[in-house]
Structure formats: structure tokens, C-alpha cells
Amino acid sequence: MQFRFRSAVGLVVLAGVFASVAVSQAPPTDLKKAYIDGTGPDWKTLGKDDFVNVNCDPDTWTWTGDAVRCTGKPVGVIRSKKPYTNFELVLEWKHEKSAGNSGVFVWTPEESLKDLKPGGLPHGIECQVLDHGYKENYEKSSKKMADWFTTNGDVFHVGKAKMKPFPPLSPNGSRSFPRHNTTKGFGEWNHYYIRAINGEVRLWVNGVEVSGGNNAEPRTGFVCLESEGSPIDFKNIRIRELP
């Protein structure tokens, strides 16, 4: 009887341990949100007249009011007409198909945009805009685990740009991986709030801060929207310059 009693106690203890582990691994339900909608003093809406086509076809980007649809072909970007240094940027995006790929570049230097051929992308800091189906397709086609990127708002440097990413990091240390997974799938609108100040970039996805980095170089340049193979919609693009 004494042996059975101890075993029962042990089972109770183990059950408690497993329950504790399960709770700790459960997704948080009380995430603090900071939903910045880009309204108020000094915010400016960015529309067709505020962007320039860099290396896309004339019909790659189609504006309707302050919203724009991108066909995804060819790979390339449009850029803001003016460069920005310290600023806040909000926008909403929606992939039309599963596995869509796109991005928002900040602090893109002018020299990386000159003579950029269709199919090329500039330098700068990218806040990735990736649908969850991209990971599924990658793992099916490559037979490898998609451990070097996520679909929830990676932030990383591209080309000659530099940045020290915030943890958690990708295996090679080049990307800031999101601390929370808050991105919605294709066919649904997602909200990005990007704050770029003094070489530091922070990204909020649907009201939750997820990733970023500091010590970025350059820390001034153009804002770019990326075309990368799949149709995507952007709307409510607004910016506020900061000192």
C-alpha cells in the first residue's frame, strides 16, 4: 500500500508539471496592443502622387483613391517621392493568394535605386510581408524545415544596408524574428505600424510589437513597397515625420 501511495503522489506531481508546461507554451491571450491608425496632428496620407515607379511595369501598380493593388510582376519596387529620416508609418496589406510575398523597405538609399533592373530589389531595411502559405510551400518543395524565416513580420537588412536585429534571431543572426505570431492569412487585412527613429526600427503587427533592430545604416532614405511575384493590396498608407 505504501508503494502504491507514493506512485499516486508521483503521478499527481507529474500531472502538475505537464500542466504547467502546457500553460507556459500556450499562446498569450493578454498581449498589450498599441493600434496606431495614423490619424491626428502631422500625419499625412500617401497616395499615387507620393510614389514613383522604380523598376516595375506601368500596370504593376494600380491606384484607386488612396489604395493600391500590385500584380506582383515583375519583381521590383515603387518608392516614396521624398526621403525620410525619423518617422512613423502605418499601412494595411492583404495578400490575395496563399504564399504571397512582399515587403516594406525603409531607409532605402538613392544609389541602390538608380538603374535598378526589373527583377531587382534595392538595399535598405525590410519589414517582410509574407503569407503563411509561403512557409508551407517552401517546406514541401525543399524538403527542409523553414527555420531561416517566419511569416509573422521578420525585420532584416538587405544588400549593403546594416542593422543589429533584436532577438529572437534567425539561425544566422541576420533577421529579427517576431516575438509573437499575430499575422492573419491571405484574404484578410493586416495592419503594420513601423517606427523608424535614429537608426532604430520597430514593427507592430496588428497592434502588437513583434520585431526590429537598431544601429541601422543608412538611417535615412526612401520608403518602398515591394512587388514580389504575387498580387497584394495596400491601403491607408500614412506617415508622420519626427524630429
C-alpha atoms as a PDB file:
ATOM      1  CA  MET A   1       0.000   0.000   0.000  1.00  0.00           C
ATOM      2  CA  GLN A   2       2.841   2.360   0.819  1.00  0.00           C
ATOM      3  CA  PHE A   3       4.367   1.838  -2.659  1.00  0.00           C
ATOM      4  CA  ARG A   4       1.057   2.489  -4.376  1.00  0.00           C
ATOM      5  CA  PHE A   5       0.525   5.672  -2.364  1.00  0.00           C
ATOM      6  CA  ARG A   6       3.911   7.058  -3.410  1.00  0.00           C
ATOM      7  CA  SER A   7       3.205   6.188  -7.045  1.00  0.00           C
ATOM      8  CA  ALA A   8      -0.086   8.021  -6.914  1.00  0.00           C
ATOM      9  CA  VAL A   9       1.614  11.066  -5.421  1.00  0.00           C
ATOM     10  CA  GLY A  10       4.238  10.913  -8.153  1.00  0.00           C
ATOM     11  CA  LEU A  11       1.549  10.827 -10.839  1.00  0.00           C
ATOM     12  CA  VAL A  12      -0.129  13.853  -9.320  1.00  0.00           C
ATOM     13  CA  VAL A  13       3.169  15.746  -9.255  1.00  0.00           C
ATOM     14  CA  LEU A  14       3.971  14.793 -12.855  1.00  0.00           C
ATOM     15  CA  ALA A  15       0.498  15.810 -13.961  1.00  0.00           C
ATOM     16  CA  GLY A  16       1.056  19.186 -12.348  1.00  0.00           C
ATOM     17  CA  VAL A  17       4.392  19.595 -14.114  1.00  0.00           C
ATOM     18  CA  PHE A  18       2.945  18.733 -17.530  1.00  0.00           C
ATOM     19  CA  ALA A  19       0.007  21.057 -16.938  1.00  0.00           C
ATOM     20  CA  SER A  20       2.432  23.850 -16.068  1.00  0.00           C
ATOM     21  CA  VAL A  21       4.442  23.229 -19.255  1.00  0.00           C
ATOM     22  CA  ALA A  22       1.279  23.212 -21.350  1.00  0.00           C
ATOM     23  CA  VAL A  23       0.186  26.526 -19.875  1.00  0.00           C
ATOM     24  CA  SER A  24       3.599  28.127 -20.439  1.00  0.00           C
ATOM     25  CA  GLN A  25       3.603  27.068 -24.110  1.00  0.00           C
ATOM     26  CA  ALA A  26       0.069  28.266 -24.793  1.00  0.00           C
ATOM     27  CA  PRO A  27      -0.162  31.436 -26.888  1.00  0.00           C
ATOM     28  CA  PRO A  28      -0.677  34.528 -24.746  1.00  0.00           C
ATOM     29  CA  THR A  29      -4.183  35.940 -24.686  1.00  0.00           C
ATOM     30  CA  ASP A  30      -3.449  39.223 -22.931  1.00  0.00           C
ATOM     31  CA  LEU A  31      -0.997  40.840 -25.369  1.00  0.00           C
ATOM     32  CA  LYS A  32      -0.722  44.590 -24.928  1.00  0.00           C
ATOM     33  CA  LYS A  33      -1.765  46.356 -28.119  1.00  0.00           C
ATOM     34  CA  ALA A  34      -0.826  49.766 -29.492  1.00  0.00           C
ATOM     35  CA  TYR A  35      -3.031  50.284 -32.513  1.00  0.00           C
ATOM     36  CA  ILE A  36      -1.851  53.452 -34.229  1.00  0.00           C
ATOM     37  CA  ASP A  37      -4.206  54.358 -37.075  1.00  0.00           C
ATOM     38  CA  GLY A  38      -2.275  57.303 -38.469  1.00  0.00           C
ATOM     39  CA  THR A  39      -4.841  59.960 -37.705  1.00  0.00           C
ATOM     40  CA  GLY A  40      -4.154  63.133 -35.765  1.00  0.00           C
ATOM     41  CA  PRO A  41      -1.731  66.059 -35.989  1.00  0.00           C
ATOM     42  CA  ASP A  42       1.099  65.885 -38.553  1.00  0.00           C
ATOM     43  CA  TRP A  43       0.010  62.586 -40.131  1.00  0.00           C
ATOM     44  CA  LYS A  44      -0.085  62.592 -43.943  1.00  0.00           C
ATOM     45  CA  THR A  45      -1.822  60.132 -46.251  1.00  0.00           C
ATOM     46  CA  LEU A  46       0.412  58.761 -49.010  1.00  0.00           C
ATOM     47  CA  GLY A  47      -1.244  58.122 -52.366  1.00  0.00           C
ATOM     48  CA  LYS A  48      -0.419  57.831 -56.041  1.00  0.00           C
ATOM     49  CA  ASP A  49       1.175  61.280 -56.237  1.00  0.00           C
ATOM     50  CA  ASP A  50       3.553  60.411 -53.390  1.00  0.00           C
ATOM     51  CA  PHE A  51       5.208  57.395 -55.059  1.00  0.00           C
ATOM     52  CA  VAL A  52       7.441  56.840 -58.076  1.00  0.00           C
ATOM     53  CA  ASN A  53       7.755  53.630 -60.079  1.00  0.00           C
ATOM     54  CA  VAL A  54      11.339  52.365 -59.933  1.00  0.00           C
ATOM     55  CA  ASN A  55      11.600  49.114 -61.911  1.00  0.00           C
ATOM     56  CA  CYS A  56       8.101  47.689 -62.324  1.00  0.00           C
ATOM     57  CA  ASP A  57       5.829  47.659 -65.388  1.00  0.00           C
ATOM     58  CA  PRO A  58       3.415  50.559 -65.885  1.00  0.00           C
ATOM     59  CA  ASP A  59       0.483  48.324 -64.933  1.00  0.00           C
ATOM     60  CA  THR A  60       2.113  46.581 -61.946  1.00  0.00           C
ATOM     61  CA  TRP A  61       0.626  49.090 -59.511  1.00  0.00           C
ATOM     62  CA  THR A  62      -2.954  50.354 -59.878  1.00  0.00           C
ATOM     63  CA  TRP A  63      -4.223  53.098 -57.577  1.00  0.00           C
ATOM     64  CA  THR A  64      -7.865  53.583 -56.571  1.00  0.00           C
ATOM     65  CA  GLY A  65      -8.038  56.596 -54.327  1.00  0.00           C
ATOM     66  CA  ASP A  66      -5.523  56.038 -51.552  1.00  0.00           C
ATOM     67  CA  ALA A  67      -5.432  52.262 -52.050  1.00  0.00           C
ATOM     68  CA  VAL A  68      -3.136  50.410 -54.437  1.00  0.00           C
ATOM     69  CA  ARG A  69      -3.144  46.929 -55.936  1.00  0.00           C
ATOM     70  CA  CYS A  70       0.066  45.246 -57.034  1.00  0.00           C
ATOM     71  CA  THR A  71       0.107  42.369 -59.543  1.00  0.00           C
ATOM     72  CA  GLY A  72       3.406  41.080 -58.152  1.00  0.00           C
ATOM     73  CA  LYS A  73       5.034  41.032 -61.593  1.00  0.00           C
ATOM     74  CA  PRO A  74       7.771  41.807 -62.257  1.00  0.00           C
ATOM     75  CA  VAL A  75       9.732  41.786 -59.016  1.00  0.00           C
ATOM     76  CA  GLY A  76      10.559  45.381 -58.135  1.00  0.00           C
ATOM     77  CA  VAL A  77       9.510  48.386 -56.068  1.00  0.00           C
ATOM     78  CA  ILE A  78       7.854  51.754 -56.047  1.00  0.00           C
ATOM     79  CA  ARG A  79       9.421  54.395 -53.798  1.00  0.00           C
ATOM     80  CA  SER A  80       8.264  57.476 -51.967  1.00  0.00           C
ATOM     81  CA  LYS A  81       8.949  60.722 -53.831  1.00  0.00           C
ATOM     82  CA  LYS A  82      10.871  62.121 -50.875  1.00  0.00           C
ATOM     83  CA  PRO A  83      13.343  60.516 -48.473  1.00  0.00           C
ATOM     84  CA  TYR A  84      12.581  60.234 -44.759  1.00  0.00           C
ATOM     85  CA  THR A  85      14.804  60.072 -41.700  1.00  0.00           C
ATOM     86  CA  ASN A  86      12.795  59.823 -38.468  1.00  0.00           C
ATOM     87  CA  PHE A  87       9.168  58.846 -38.942  1.00  0.00           C
ATOM     88  CA  GLU A  88       6.184  56.683 -38.094  1.00  0.00           C
ATOM     89  CA  LEU A  89       4.450  54.737 -40.869  1.00  0.00           C
ATOM     90  CA  VAL A  90       1.154  52.863 -40.836  1.00  0.00           C
ATOM     91  CA  LEU A  91      -0.442  50.818 -43.586  1.00  0.00           C
ATOM     92  CA  GLU A  92      -2.734  47.871 -44.141  1.00  0.00           C
ATOM     93  CA  TRP A  93      -1.977  44.999 -46.504  1.00  0.00           C
ATOM     94  CA  LYS A  94      -3.760  41.909 -47.791  1.00  0.00           C
ATOM     95  CA  HIS A  95      -2.379  39.053 -49.864  1.00  0.00           C
ATOM     96  CA  GLU A  96      -4.852  37.902 -52.485  1.00  0.00           C
ATOM     97  CA  LYS A  97      -3.407  34.395 -52.754  1.00  0.00           C
ATOM     98  CA  SER A  98      -1.777  31.861 -50.471  1.00  0.00           C
ATOM     99  CA  ALA A  99       2.032  32.024 -50.214  1.00  0.00           C
ATOM    100  CA  GLY A 100       2.174  35.691 -51.233  1.00  0.00           C
ATOM    101  CA  ASN A 101       5.433  37.574 -50.744  1.00  0.00           C
ATOM    102  CA  SER A 102       6.064  41.309 -50.417  1.00  0.00           C
ATOM    103  CA  GLY A 103       7.687  43.813 -48.093  1.00  0.00           C
ATOM    104  CA  VAL A 104       8.033  47.387 -46.916  1.00  0.00           C
ATOM    105  CA  PHE A 105      11.510  48.928 -47.202  1.00  0.00           C
ATOM    106  CA  VAL A 106      12.614  51.858 -45.082  1.00  0.00           C
ATOM    107  CA  TRP A 107      15.758  53.963 -45.388  1.00  0.00           C
ATOM    108  CA  THR A 108      16.438  52.821 -48.939  1.00  0.00           C
ATOM    109  CA  PRO A 109      19.410  54.821 -50.305  1.00  0.00           C
ATOM    110  CA  GLU A 110      19.028  56.595 -53.639  1.00  0.00           C
ATOM    111  CA  GLU A 111      22.136  54.986 -55.113  1.00  0.00           C
ATOM    112  CA  SER A 112      20.627  51.491 -54.780  1.00  0.00           C
ATOM    113  CA  LEU A 113      17.575  52.594 -56.790  1.00  0.00           C
ATOM    114  CA  LYS A 114      19.450  54.078 -59.733  1.00  0.00           C
ATOM    115  CA  ASP A 115      19.424  51.854 -62.823  1.00  0.00           C
ATOM    116  CA  LEU A 116      17.682  49.055 -60.898  1.00  0.00           C
ATOM    117  CA  LYS A 117      16.549  46.486 -63.464  1.00  0.00           C
ATOM    118  CA  PRO A 118      13.193  44.654 -63.335  1.00  0.00           C
ATOM    119  CA  GLY A 119      13.605  41.666 -61.046  1.00  0.00           C
ATOM    120  CA  GLY A 120      15.975  43.503 -58.720  1.00  0.00           C
ATOM    121  CA  LEU A 121      15.419  44.807 -55.210  1.00  0.00           C
ATOM    122  CA  PRO A 122      17.146  47.758 -53.528  1.00  0.00           C
ATOM    123  CA  HIS A 123      19.147  47.973 -50.337  1.00  0.00           C
ATOM    124  CA  GLY A 124      17.576  49.034 -47.053  1.00  0.00           C
ATOM    125  CA  ILE A 125      15.771  47.669 -44.017  1.00  0.00           C
ATOM    126  CA  GLU A 126      12.879  45.374 -44.903  1.00  0.00           C
ATOM    127  CA  CYS A 127       9.787  44.674 -42.847  1.00  0.00           C
ATOM    128  CA  GLN A 128       8.675  41.484 -44.531  1.00  0.00           C
ATOM    129  CA  VAL A 129       5.103  40.920 -45.696  1.00  0.00           C
ATOM    130  CA  LEU A 130       4.750  37.162 -46.112  1.00  0.00           C
ATOM    131  CA  ASP A 131       1.715  34.871 -46.176  1.00  0.00           C
ATOM    132  CA  HIS A 132       1.697  31.715 -44.064  1.00  0.00           C
ATOM    133  CA  GLY A 133       1.354  29.556 -47.167  1.00  0.00           C
ATOM    134  CA  TYR A 134       4.858  30.567 -48.218  1.00  0.00           C
ATOM    135  CA  LYS A 135       6.340  28.509 -45.393  1.00  0.00           C
ATOM    136  CA  GLU A 136       4.193  25.511 -46.274  1.00  0.00           C
ATOM    137  CA  ASN A 137       5.232  25.681 -49.944  1.00  0.00           C
ATOM    138  CA  TYR A 138       8.898  26.109 -49.050  1.00  0.00           C
ATOM    139  CA  GLU A 139       8.950  23.040 -46.809  1.00  0.00           C
ATOM    140  CA  LYS A 140       7.074  20.913 -49.363  1.00  0.00           C
ATOM    141  CA  SER A 141       9.305  21.882 -52.284  1.00  0.00           C
ATOM    142  CA  SER A 142      12.664  21.939 -50.495  1.00  0.00           C
ATOM    143  CA  LYS A 143      12.039  19.058 -48.066  1.00  0.00           C
ATOM    144  CA  LYS A 144      13.706  21.290 -45.467  1.00  0.00           C
ATOM    145  CA  MET A 145      12.454  23.000 -42.340  1.00  0.00           C
ATOM    146  CA  ALA A 146      11.763  26.697 -42.827  1.00  0.00           C
ATOM    147  CA  ASP A 147      13.889  27.814 -39.895  1.00  0.00           C
ATOM    148  CA  TRP A 148      15.578  30.835 -41.520  1.00  0.00           C
ATOM    149  CA  PHE A 149      12.416  32.941 -41.924  1.00  0.00           C
ATOM    150  CA  THR A 150       8.935  33.324 -40.444  1.00  0.00           C
ATOM    151  CA  THR A 151       5.624  34.598 -41.787  1.00  0.00           C
ATOM    152  CA  ASN A 152       4.837  36.933 -38.903  1.00  0.00           C
ATOM    153  CA  GLY A 153       6.917  40.049 -39.548  1.00  0.00           C
ATOM    154  CA  ASP A 154      10.674  39.498 -39.858  1.00  0.00           C
ATOM    155  CA  VAL A 155      12.816  42.648 -39.948  1.00  0.00           C
ATOM    156  CA  PHE A 156      16.250  42.484 -41.613  1.00  0.00           C
ATOM    157  CA  HIS A 157      18.805  44.374 -43.680  1.00  0.00           C
ATOM    158  CA  VAL A 158      19.023  43.920 -47.440  1.00  0.00           C
ATOM    159  CA  GLY A 159      22.096  44.399 -49.608  1.00  0.00           C
ATOM    160  CA  LYS A 160      24.683  46.837 -48.286  1.00  0.00           C
ATOM    161  CA  ALA A 161      22.427  48.163 -45.531  1.00  0.00           C
ATOM    162  CA  LYS A 162      23.308  47.223 -41.944  1.00  0.00           C
ATOM    163  CA  MET A 163      21.279  46.648 -38.785  1.00  0.00           C
ATOM    164  CA  LYS A 164      21.653  44.904 -35.456  1.00  0.00           C
ATOM    165  CA  PRO A 165      18.459  42.831 -35.182  1.00  0.00           C
ATOM    166  CA  PHE A 166      16.559  42.462 -31.922  1.00  0.00           C
ATOM    167  CA  PRO A 167      16.182  38.903 -30.557  1.00  0.00           C
ATOM    168  CA  PRO A 168      14.897  36.334 -31.119  1.00  0.00           C
ATOM    169  CA  LEU A 169      17.140  35.894 -34.129  1.00  0.00           C
ATOM    170  CA  SER A 170      17.210  33.706 -37.218  1.00  0.00           C
ATOM    171  CA  PRO A 171      19.812  30.900 -37.085  1.00  0.00           C
ATOM    172  CA  ASN A 172      22.405  33.017 -38.925  1.00  0.00           C
ATOM    173  CA  GLY A 173      21.661  36.072 -36.784  1.00  0.00           C
ATOM    174  CA  SER A 174      20.643  38.313 -39.698  1.00  0.00           C
ATOM    175  CA  ARG A 175      16.909  38.562 -39.029  1.00  0.00           C
ATOM    176  CA  SER A 176      14.848  39.776 -36.118  1.00  0.00           C
ATOM    177  CA  PHE A 177      12.201  37.088 -35.652  1.00  0.00           C
ATOM    178  CA  PRO A 178       8.811  38.095 -34.201  1.00  0.00           C
ATOM    179  CA  ARG A 179       8.204  37.562 -30.511  1.00  0.00           C
ATOM    180  CA  HIS A 180       4.511  36.975 -31.178  1.00  0.00           C
ATOM    181  CA  ASN A 181       2.613  35.491 -34.105  1.00  0.00           C
ATOM    182  CA  THR A 182      -0.206  37.902 -34.927  1.00  0.00           C
ATOM    183  CA  THR A 183      -0.333  37.913 -38.746  1.00  0.00           C
ATOM    184  CA  LYS A 184      -3.588  36.923 -40.454  1.00  0.00           C
ATOM    185  CA  GLY A 185      -3.674  34.741 -43.559  1.00  0.00           C
ATOM    186  CA  PHE A 186      -4.341  35.660 -47.175  1.00  0.00           C
ATOM    187  CA  GLY A 187      -7.658  37.311 -47.909  1.00  0.00           C
ATOM    188  CA  GLU A 188      -7.568  39.217 -44.598  1.00  0.00           C
ATOM    189  CA  TRP A 189      -6.275  42.691 -43.861  1.00  0.00           C
ATOM    190  CA  ASN A 190      -3.201  43.105 -41.666  1.00  0.00           C
ATOM    191  CA  HIS A 191      -2.029  46.326 -40.028  1.00  0.00           C
ATOM    192  CA  TYR A 192       1.619  47.414 -39.816  1.00  0.00           C
ATOM    193  CA  TYR A 193       2.894  50.224 -37.630  1.00  0.00           C
ATOM    194  CA  ILE A 194       6.579  50.943 -38.287  1.00  0.00           C
ATOM    195  CA  ARG A 195       8.591  53.359 -36.160  1.00  0.00           C
ATOM    196  CA  ALA A 196      11.981  54.393 -37.554  1.00  0.00           C
ATOM    197  CA  ILE A 197      13.990  56.742 -35.334  1.00  0.00           C
ATOM    198  CA  ASN A 198      17.730  57.401 -35.066  1.00  0.00           C
ATOM    199  CA  GLY A 199      18.748  54.145 -36.707  1.00  0.00           C
ATOM    200  CA  GLU A 200      16.222  52.019 -34.814  1.00  0.00           C
ATOM    201  CA  VAL A 201      13.290  50.246 -36.493  1.00  0.00           C
ATOM    202  CA  ARG A 202      10.399  48.677 -34.600  1.00  0.00           C
ATOM    203  CA  LEU A 203       7.458  46.799 -36.127  1.00  0.00           C
ATOM    204  CA  TRP A 204       3.979  46.285 -34.692  1.00  0.00           C
ATOM    205  CA  VAL A 205       1.738  43.708 -36.425  1.00  0.00           C
ATOM    206  CA  ASN A 206      -1.976  44.124 -35.789  1.00  0.00           C
ATOM    207  CA  GLY A 207      -1.287  46.234 -32.734  1.00  0.00           C
ATOM    208  CA  VAL A 208       1.439  44.062 -31.149  1.00  0.00           C
ATOM    209  CA  GLU A 209       5.148  44.909 -31.214  1.00  0.00           C
ATOM    210  CA  VAL A 210       6.961  41.903 -32.666  1.00  0.00           C
ATOM    211  CA  SER A 211      10.418  42.690 -34.117  1.00  0.00           C
ATOM    212  CA  GLY A 212      13.002  45.290 -35.042  1.00  0.00           C
ATOM    213  CA  GLY A 213      16.612  46.348 -34.750  1.00  0.00           C
ATOM    214  CA  ASN A 214      18.993  49.247 -34.166  1.00  0.00           C
ATOM    215  CA  ASN A 215      22.328  50.667 -35.317  1.00  0.00           C
ATOM    216  CA  ALA A 216      20.972  50.742 -38.852  1.00  0.00           C
ATOM    217  CA  GLU A 217      22.995  52.251 -41.688  1.00  0.00           C
ATOM    218  CA  PRO A 218      21.908  54.154 -43.627  1.00  0.00           C
ATOM    219  CA  ARG A 219      19.300  55.734 -41.379  1.00  0.00           C
ATOM    220  CA  THR A 220      17.723  57.990 -43.945  1.00  0.00           C
ATOM    221  CA  GLY A 221      16.246  57.180 -47.340  1.00  0.00           C
ATOM    222  CA  PHE A 222      13.115  56.290 -49.258  1.00  0.00           C
ATOM    223  CA  VAL A 223      10.124  54.168 -48.263  1.00  0.00           C
ATOM    224  CA  CYS A 224       9.491  51.399 -50.816  1.00  0.00           C
ATOM    225  CA  LEU A 225       6.630  48.981 -51.429  1.00  0.00           C
ATOM    226  CA  GLU A 226       7.680  45.670 -52.922  1.00  0.00           C
ATOM    227  CA  SER A 227       6.310  43.631 -55.810  1.00  0.00           C
ATOM    228  CA  GLU A 228       7.464  40.029 -55.495  1.00  0.00           C
ATOM    229  CA  GLY A 229       5.524  37.525 -57.531  1.00  0.00           C
ATOM    230  CA  SER A 230       2.008  37.552 -56.089  1.00  0.00           C
ATOM    231  CA  PRO A 231      -0.911  40.028 -56.054  1.00  0.00           C
ATOM    232  CA  ILE A 232      -1.238  42.160 -52.932  1.00  0.00           C
ATOM    233  CA  ASP A 233      -3.300  45.157 -51.840  1.00  0.00           C
ATOM    234  CA  PHE A 234      -2.204  48.113 -49.689  1.00  0.00           C
ATOM    235  CA  LYS A 235      -4.385  50.832 -48.197  1.00  0.00           C
ATOM    236  CA  ASN A 236      -4.423  53.559 -45.545  1.00  0.00           C
ATOM    237  CA  ILE A 237      -0.725  54.343 -46.048  1.00  0.00           C
ATOM    238  CA  ARG A 238       0.069  57.210 -43.707  1.00  0.00           C
ATOM    239  CA  ILE A 239       3.290  58.762 -42.433  1.00  0.00           C
ATOM    240  CA  ARG A 240       4.316  61.238 -39.757  1.00  0.00           C
ATOM    241  CA  GLU A 241       7.759  62.790 -39.816  1.00  0.00           C
ATOM    242  CA  LEU A 242       9.534  63.157 -36.479  1.00  0.00           C
ATOM    243  CA  PRO A 243      12.398  65.421 -35.351  1.00  0.00           C
END
